[in-house]
C-alpha atoms as a PDB file:
ATOM      1  CA  MET A   1     -99.784-216.707 -63.131  1.00  0.00           C
ATOM      2  CA  GLU A   2    -100.295-218.125 -59.719  1.00  0.00           C
ATOM      3  CA  ASN A   3     -97.520-218.231 -57.111  1.00  0.00           C
ATOM      4  CA  LYS A   4     -97.493-220.048 -53.780  1.00  0.00           C
ATOM      5  CA  PHE A   5     -95.218-219.112 -50.892  1.00  0.00           C
ATOM      6  CA  VAL A   6     -94.639-220.530 -47.451  1.00  0.00           C
ATOM      7  CA  GLY A   7     -96.934-218.769 -44.987  1.00  0.00           C
ATOM      8  CA  PHE A   8     -99.132-217.161 -47.623  1.00  0.00           C
ATOM      9  CA  GLU A   9    -102.194-218.972 -46.217  1.00  0.00           C
ATOM     10  CA  GLU A  10    -102.138-216.713 -43.151  1.00  0.00           C
ATOM     11  CA  MET A  11    -101.957-213.456 -45.102  1.00  0.00           C
ATOM     12  CA  SER A  12    -104.900-211.105 -45.370  1.00  0.00           C
ATOM     13  CA  VAL A  13    -106.312-210.201 -48.772  1.00  0.00           C
ATOM     14  CA  ASP A  14    -104.290-206.979 -48.969  1.00  0.00           C
ATOM     15  CA  GLU A  15    -101.087-208.518 -47.565  1.00  0.00           C
ATOM     16  CA  LEU A  16    -101.206-211.335 -50.106  1.00  0.00           C
ATOM     17  CA  TRP A  17    -101.998-208.952 -52.955  1.00  0.00           C
ATOM     18  CA  ASP A  18     -99.161-206.553 -52.121  1.00  0.00           C
ATOM     19  CA  PHE A  19     -96.697-209.414 -51.663  1.00  0.00           C
ATOM     20  CA  ILE A  20     -97.491-211.033 -55.010  1.00  0.00           C
ATOM     21  CA  ARG A  21     -97.643-207.766 -56.942  1.00  0.00           C
ATOM     22  CA  LEU A  22     -94.076-206.922 -55.876  1.00  0.00           C
ATOM     23  CA  GLU A  23     -92.796-209.633 -58.209  1.00  0.00           C
ATOM     24  CA  TYR A  24     -94.497-208.128 -61.245  1.00  0.00           C
ATOM     25  CA  GLN A  25     -93.537-204.557 -60.336  1.00  0.00           C
ATOM     26  CA  SER A  26     -89.827-205.348 -60.124  1.00  0.00           C
ATOM     27  CA  GLN A  27     -87.631-202.852 -61.952  1.00  0.00           C
ATOM     28  CA  ASN A  28     -84.827-205.378 -62.285  1.00  0.00           C
ATOM     29  CA  PRO A  29     -83.924-205.209 -66.004  1.00  0.00           C
ATOM     30  CA  ILE A  30     -83.210-208.945 -66.228  1.00  0.00           C
ATOM     31  CA  SER A  31     -86.532-209.861 -64.624  1.00  0.00           C
ATOM     32  CA  LYS A  32     -88.394-207.442 -66.891  1.00  0.00           C
ATOM     33  CA  LYS A  33     -86.712-208.902 -69.966  1.00  0.00           C
ATOM     34  CA  LEU A  34     -87.561-212.472 -68.951  1.00  0.00           C
ATOM     35  CA  TYR A  35     -91.231-211.625 -68.415  1.00  0.00           C
ATOM     36  CA  ALA A  36     -91.357-209.695 -71.687  1.00  0.00           C
ATOM     37  CA  ASN A  37     -90.003-212.719 -73.539  1.00  0.00           C
ATOM     38  CA  PHE A  38     -92.518-215.008 -71.822  1.00  0.00           C
ATOM     39  CA  TYR A  39     -95.481-212.810 -72.764  1.00  0.00           C
ATOM     40  CA  LYS A  40     -94.185-212.416 -76.308  1.00  0.00           C
ATOM     41  CA  LYS A  41     -94.829-216.155 -76.723  1.00  0.00           C
ATOM     42  CA  ILE A  42     -98.280-215.842 -75.149  1.00  0.00           C
ATOM     43  CA  ASP A  43     -99.072-213.013 -77.572  1.00  0.00           C
ATOM     44  CA  TYR A  44     -98.075-215.236 -80.482  1.00  0.00           C
ATOM     45  CA  ILE A  45    -100.627-217.844 -79.398  1.00  0.00           C
ATOM     46  CA  LEU A  46    -103.362-215.238 -79.032  1.00  0.00           C
ATOM     47  CA  GLU A  47    -102.599-213.774 -82.444  1.00  0.00           C
ATOM     48  CA  ASN A  48    -102.429-217.067 -84.319  1.00  0.00           C
ATOM     49  CA  TYR A  49    -104.795-219.508 -82.632  1.00  0.00           C
ATOM     50  CA  LEU A  50    -107.865-217.420 -81.848  1.00  0.00           C
ATOM     51  CA  LYS A  51    -110.320-216.161 -84.403  1.00  0.00           C
ATOM     52  CA  GLU A  52    -113.455-214.004 -84.407  1.00  0.00           C
ATOM     53  CA  ASN A  53    -116.108-215.109 -81.868  1.00  0.00           C
ATOM     54  CA  ASP A  54    -113.777-217.545 -80.086  1.00  0.00           C
ATOM     55  CA  SER A  55    -113.612-217.790 -76.284  1.00  0.00           C
ATOM     56  CA  LEU A  56    -110.741-218.047 -73.818  1.00  0.00           C
ATOM     57  CA  LEU A  57    -110.615-219.055 -70.148  1.00  0.00           C
ATOM     58  CA  GLU A  58    -107.575-218.595 -67.902  1.00  0.00           C
ATOM     59  CA  VAL A  59    -107.620-221.012 -64.963  1.00  0.00           C
ATOM     60  CA  GLY A  60    -105.648-220.214 -61.792  1.00  0.00           C
ATOM     61  CA  CYS A  61    -105.153-216.532 -62.572  1.00  0.00           C
ATOM     62  CA  GLY A  62    -103.749-215.610 -59.151  1.00  0.00           C
ATOM     63  CA  ALA A  63    -103.283-211.845 -58.907  1.00  0.00           C
ATOM     64  CA  ALA A  64    -104.421-211.520 -62.552  1.00  0.00           C
ATOM     65  CA  GLU A  65    -101.198-210.063 -63.923  1.00  0.00           C
ATOM     66  CA  SER A  66    -101.357-212.477 -66.842  1.00  0.00           C
ATOM     67  CA  SER A  67    -105.112-211.879 -67.194  1.00  0.00           C
ATOM     68  CA  LEU A  68    -104.573-208.131 -67.600  1.00  0.00           C
ATOM     69  CA  ARG A  69    -101.923-208.713 -70.248  1.00  0.00           C
ATOM     70  CA  ILE A  70    -104.106-211.229 -72.078  1.00  0.00           C
ATOM     71  CA  HIS A  71    -107.110-208.906 -72.023  1.00  0.00           C
ATOM     72  CA  SER A  72    -105.000-206.009 -73.304  1.00  0.00           C
ATOM     73  CA  LYS A  73    -103.637-208.104 -76.157  1.00  0.00           C
ATOM     74  CA  LEU A  74    -107.087-209.386 -77.096  1.00  0.00           C
ATOM     75  CA  SER A  75    -108.383-205.819 -77.162  1.00  0.00           C
ATOM     76  CA  SER A  76    -105.574-204.787 -79.503  1.00  0.00           C
ATOM     77  CA  LEU A  77    -106.476-207.613 -81.889  1.00  0.00           C
ATOM     78  CA  LYS A  78    -109.946-206.074 -82.326  1.00  0.00           C
ATOM     79  CA  ARG A  79    -111.622-209.442 -82.556  1.00  0.00           C
ATOM     80  CA  ASN A  80    -114.790-210.414 -80.753  1.00  0.00           C
ATOM     81  CA  ILE A  81    -113.164-212.861 -78.315  1.00  0.00           C
ATOM     82  CA  ALA A  82    -114.851-213.620 -74.990  1.00  0.00           C
ATOM     83  CA  PHE A  83    -112.384-213.775 -72.081  1.00  0.00           C
ATOM     84  CA  GLU A  84    -112.884-214.942 -68.493  1.00  0.00           C
ATOM     85  CA  ALA A  85    -110.603-216.002 -65.657  1.00  0.00           C
ATOM     86  CA  SER A  86    -110.963-218.164 -62.585  1.00  0.00           C
ATOM     87  CA  GLU A  87    -109.023-218.697 -59.365  1.00  0.00           C
ATOM     88  CA  TYR A  88    -109.295-221.071 -56.405  1.00  0.00           C
ATOM     89  CA  ASP A  89    -108.096-218.657 -53.687  1.00  0.00           C
ATOM     90  CA  ASN A  90    -111.060-216.412 -52.922  1.00  0.00           C
ATOM     91  CA  ARG A  91    -108.775-213.656 -51.585  1.00  0.00           C
ATOM     92  CA  TYR A  92    -107.553-213.003 -55.099  1.00  0.00           C
ATOM     93  CA  VAL A  93    -111.084-213.128 -56.469  1.00  0.00           C
ATOM     94  CA  GLN A  94    -112.323-210.614 -53.895  1.00  0.00           C
ATOM     95  CA  LYS A  95    -109.477-208.201 -54.616  1.00  0.00           C
ATOM     96  CA  ILE A  96    -109.741-208.450 -58.399  1.00  0.00           C
ATOM     97  CA  ASN A  97    -113.479-207.901 -58.369  1.00  0.00           C
ATOM     98  CA  SER A  98    -113.098-204.928 -56.027  1.00  0.00           C
ATOM     99  CA  LEU A  99    -110.799-203.319 -58.599  1.00  0.00           C
ATOM    100  CA  ASN A 100    -113.390-203.636 -61.384  1.00  0.00           C
ATOM    101  CA  TYR A 101    -111.045-205.272 -63.844  1.00  0.00           C
ATOM    102  CA  PRO A 102    -112.478-205.444 -67.387  1.00  0.00           C
ATOM    103  CA  PHE A 103    -113.149-209.176 -67.310  1.00  0.00           C
ATOM    104  CA  LYS A 104    -115.049-211.627 -65.150  1.00  0.00           C
ATOM    105  CA  VAL A 105    -113.190-213.632 -62.490  1.00  0.00           C
ATOM    106  CA  THR A 106    -114.879-216.594 -60.807  1.00  0.00           C
ATOM    107  CA  GLN A 107    -113.859-218.619 -57.763  1.00  0.00           C
ATOM    108  CA  GLU A 108    -113.564-222.303 -58.674  1.00  0.00           C
ATOM    109  CA  ASN A 109    -111.418-225.400 -58.258  1.00  0.00           C
ATOM    110  CA  VAL A 110    -109.244-226.528 -61.165  1.00  0.00           C
ATOM    111  CA  TYR A 111    -110.253-230.127 -60.438  1.00  0.00           C
ATOM    112  CA  SER A 112    -113.945-229.308 -60.813  1.00  0.00           C
ATOM    113  CA  LEU A 113    -114.543-226.350 -63.103  1.00  0.00           C
ATOM    114  CA  GLN A 114    -118.105-225.075 -63.131  1.00  0.00           C
ATOM    115  CA  ARG A 115    -118.157-225.042 -66.921  1.00  0.00           C
ATOM    116  CA  ASN A 116    -119.847-227.026 -69.675  1.00  0.00           C
ATOM    117  CA  ASP A 117    -118.050-229.596 -71.796  1.00  0.00           C
ATOM    118  CA  ASN A 118    -116.275-227.979 -74.775  1.00  0.00           C
ATOM    119  CA  GLU A 119    -117.315-224.501 -73.605  1.00  0.00           C
ATOM    120  CA  TYR A 120    -114.113-222.608 -74.516  1.00  0.00           C
ATOM    121  CA  ASN A 121    -111.978-222.681 -77.634  1.00  0.00           C
ATOM    122  CA  LEU A 122    -108.786-222.174 -75.644  1.00  0.00           C
ATOM    123  CA  ILE A 123    -107.862-222.783 -71.994  1.00  0.00           C
ATOM    124  CA  PHE A 124    -104.781-221.223 -70.357  1.00  0.00           C
ATOM    125  CA  LEU A 125    -103.088-222.686 -67.272  1.00  0.00           C
ATOM    126  CA  LEU A 126    -100.056-220.516 -66.506  1.00  0.00           C
ATOM    127  CA  GLU A 127     -97.634-221.420 -63.719  1.00  0.00           C
ATOM    128  CA  VAL A 128    -100.154-223.525 -61.806  1.00  0.00           C
ATOM    129  CA  LEU A 129     -99.484-227.186 -62.620  1.00  0.00           C
ATOM    130  CA  GLU A 130     -96.271-227.325 -60.588  1.00  0.00           C
ATOM    131  CA  HIS A 131     -98.291-226.486 -57.452  1.00  0.00           C
ATOM    132  CA  LEU A 132    -101.008-229.128 -57.821  1.00  0.00           C
ATOM    133  CA  GLU A 133    -101.221-232.356 -55.853  1.00  0.00           C
ATOM    134  CA  PHE A 134    -103.090-234.081 -58.679  1.00  0.00           C
ATOM    135  CA  PRO A 135    -101.807-232.622 -61.965  1.00  0.00           C
ATOM    136  CA  GLU A 136    -103.300-235.385 -64.143  1.00  0.00           C
ATOM    137  CA  LYS A 137    -106.758-234.732 -62.705  1.00  0.00           C
ATOM    138  CA  ALA A 138    -106.417-231.022 -63.500  1.00  0.00           C
ATOM    139  CA  ILE A 139    -105.277-231.772 -67.054  1.00  0.00           C
ATOM    140  CA  SER A 140    -108.315-233.997 -67.605  1.00  0.00           C
ATOM    141  CA  GLU A 141    -110.637-231.213 -66.446  1.00  0.00           C
ATOM    142  CA  LEU A 142    -109.004-228.616 -68.707  1.00  0.00           C
ATOM    143  CA  PHE A 143    -109.526-230.795 -71.759  1.00  0.00           C
ATOM    144  CA  ARG A 144    -113.117-231.496 -70.767  1.00  0.00           C
ATOM    145  CA  VAL A 145    -113.888-227.780 -70.858  1.00  0.00           C
ATOM    146  CA  SER A 146    -111.846-227.024 -73.991  1.00  0.00           C
ATOM    147  CA  SER A 147    -113.276-227.540 -77.449  1.00  0.00           C
ATOM    148  CA  LYS A 148    -109.929-227.194 -79.242  1.00  0.00           C
ATOM    149  CA  TYR A 149    -106.781-225.982 -77.442  1.00  0.00           C
ATOM    150  CA  VAL A 150    -105.138-226.082 -74.016  1.00  0.00           C
ATOM    151  CA  LEU A 151    -102.041-224.002 -73.291  1.00  0.00           C
ATOM    152  CA  ILE A 152     -99.896-224.814 -70.260  1.00  0.00           C
ATOM    153  CA  SER A 153     -96.822-223.059 -68.922  1.00  0.00           C
ATOM    154  CA  VAL A 154     -94.557-224.457 -66.214  1.00  0.00           C
ATOM    155  CA  PRO A 155     -91.044-223.844 -64.909  1.00  0.00           C
ATOM    156  CA  ASN A 156     -88.687-225.692 -67.258  1.00  0.00           C
ATOM    157  CA  GLU A 157     -86.774-228.123 -65.089  1.00  0.00           C
ATOM    158  CA  PRO A 158     -83.981-228.529 -64.162  1.00  0.00           C
ATOM    159  CA  ILE A 159     -83.203-225.140 -65.705  1.00  0.00           C
ATOM    160  CA  TRP A 160     -85.495-223.378 -63.210  1.00  0.00           C
ATOM    161  CA  ARG A 161     -83.740-224.807 -60.158  1.00  0.00           C
ATOM    162  CA  ILE A 162     -80.277-224.300 -61.651  1.00  0.00           C
ATOM    163  CA  ALA A 163     -81.121-220.645 -62.275  1.00  0.00           C
ATOM    164  CA  ASN A 164     -82.293-220.266 -58.674  1.00  0.00           C
ATOM    165  CA  MET A 165     -79.079-221.828 -57.377  1.00  0.00           C
ATOM    166  CA  ALA A 166     -77.004-219.543 -59.606  1.00  0.00           C
ATOM    167  CA  ARG A 167     -78.527-216.523 -57.885  1.00  0.00           C
ATOM    168  CA  PHE A 168     -78.303-218.182 -54.440  1.00  0.00           C
ATOM    169  CA  GLN A 169     -82.063-218.591 -54.076  1.00  0.00           C
ATOM    170  CA  TYR A 170     -83.526-221.521 -52.076  1.00  0.00           C
ATOM    171  CA  VAL A 171     -80.070-223.098 -51.819  1.00  0.00           C
ATOM    172  CA  LYS A 172     -81.018-225.422 -48.950  1.00  0.00           C
ATOM    173  CA  ASP A 173     -83.789-226.821 -51.164  1.00  0.00           C
ATOM    174  CA  PHE A 174     -81.444-227.205 -54.145  1.00  0.00           C
ATOM    175  CA  GLY A 175     -83.107-224.302 -55.940  1.00  0.00           C
ATOM    176  CA  ASN A 176     -86.675-225.552 -55.607  1.00  0.00           C
ATOM    177  CA  THR A 177     -89.110-222.661 -55.289  1.00  0.00           C
ATOM    178  CA  PRO A 178     -91.408-223.028 -52.237  1.00  0.00           C
ATOM    179  CA  GLY A 179     -94.706-224.576 -53.278  1.00  0.00           C
ATOM    180  CA  HIS A 180     -93.370-226.377 -56.344  1.00  0.00           C
ATOM    181  CA  ILE A 181     -94.302-230.010 -55.741  1.00  0.00           C
ATOM    182  CA  ASN A 182     -94.108-231.111 -59.395  1.00  0.00           C
ATOM    183  CA  HIS A 183     -91.221-230.642 -61.788  1.00  0.00           C
ATOM    184  CA  PHE A 184     -91.719-230.687 -65.540  1.00  0.00           C
ATOM    185  CA  ASN A 185     -89.613-230.755 -68.656  1.00  0.00           C
ATOM    186  CA  GLN A 186     -90.891-231.135 -72.205  1.00  0.00           C
ATOM    187  CA  LYS A 187     -90.853-234.944 -72.099  1.00  0.00           C
ATOM    188  CA  LYS A 188     -92.734-235.199 -68.801  1.00  0.00           C
ATOM    189  CA  LEU A 189     -95.365-232.612 -69.715  1.00  0.00           C
ATOM    190  CA  THR A 190     -95.907-234.203 -73.128  1.00  0.00           C
ATOM    191  CA  LYS A 191     -96.502-237.546 -71.447  1.00  0.00           C
ATOM    192  CA  ILE A 192     -99.398-236.325 -69.284  1.00  0.00           C
ATOM    193  CA  VAL A 193    -101.141-234.367 -72.063  1.00  0.00           C
ATOM    194  CA  LYS A 194    -100.714-237.078 -74.727  1.00  0.00           C
ATOM    195  CA  PRO A 195    -103.936-238.976 -73.817  1.00  0.00           C
ATOM    196  CA  TYR A 196    -105.957-235.822 -74.538  1.00  0.00           C
ATOM    197  CA  GLY A 197    -104.376-234.165 -77.530  1.00  0.00           C
ATOM    198  CA  LYS A 198    -101.468-233.471 -79.850  1.00  0.00           C
ATOM    199  CA  VAL A 199     -98.669-231.067 -78.959  1.00  0.00           C
ATOM    200  CA  ILE A 200     -98.560-228.521 -81.776  1.00  0.00           C
ATOM    201  CA  LYS A 201     -96.336-225.769 -80.363  1.00  0.00           C
ATOM    202  CA  VAL A 202     -93.569-225.631 -77.761  1.00  0.00           C
ATOM    203  CA  PHE A 203     -91.746-222.517 -76.578  1.00  0.00           C
ATOM    204  CA  LYS A 204     -88.908-222.386 -74.072  1.00  0.00           C
ATOM    205  CA  PRO A 205     -88.519-218.771 -72.995  1.00  0.00           C
ATOM    206  CA  PHE A 206     -85.901-218.995 -70.245  1.00  0.00           C
ATOM    207  CA  PRO A 207     -86.648-220.336 -67.645  1.00  0.00           C
ATOM    208  CA  TRP A 208     -90.158-221.493 -68.625  1.00  0.00           C
ATOM    209  CA  LEU A 209     -91.746-224.115 -70.822  1.00  0.00           C
ATOM    210  CA  ILE A 210     -94.915-223.243 -72.770  1.00  0.00           C
ATOM    211  CA  MET A 211     -96.886-225.983 -74.525  1.00  0.00           C
ATOM    212  CA  LEU A 212     -99.928-225.662 -76.789  1.00  0.00           C
ATOM    213  CA  VAL A 213    -101.975-228.843 -77.216  1.00  0.00           C
ATOM    214  CA  GLU A 214    -104.764-229.448 -79.709  1.00  0.00           C
ATOM    215  CA  LYS A 215    -107.535-231.616 -78.331  1.00  0.00           C
ATOM    216  CA  HIS A 216    -108.210-234.980 -79.992  1.00  0.00           C
END
């Protein structure tokens, strides 16, 4: 998952890394339960929609928390599934590669992936689309690179903002998380993926929306 915060552009590699990792290291039982439920749905997709010798690319991996979980799950499945990740912000890429994570991470732009047409069986875009100035352009590129499936997760609106308001977060912005410039619900997300494929699975682990689309 990739998160954007006001002022993050000025942070050093280590400052940004430590700041983002705090979210995933939270010991808050509610937060831990929400993340566990989210990744339970991701695990279901990995278990049921990938087979031997398939390939998976996660785009916009951020601090690679999701990438680590995906890699761990793939390893437990004991299938020969190739996994890579990519990220636009080179600070993340530098840090991840310095830590020798067990998968390759490449710096690239979601609007112009340095990949062949139909190169991967499944593409993941987790918590990125709400940050993008041109979401339709990104969607088009994901489906170009995918041979079969694209999975997208976004904050489920307006539930996301209502939940923020309920805990008195970002009240002056009516619960909108800094950096979220797009707001999706199932209807809106379906509309922008419809030209490229058929929605075959939808999960709504509070407060997210996860959609699996099979390419036409």
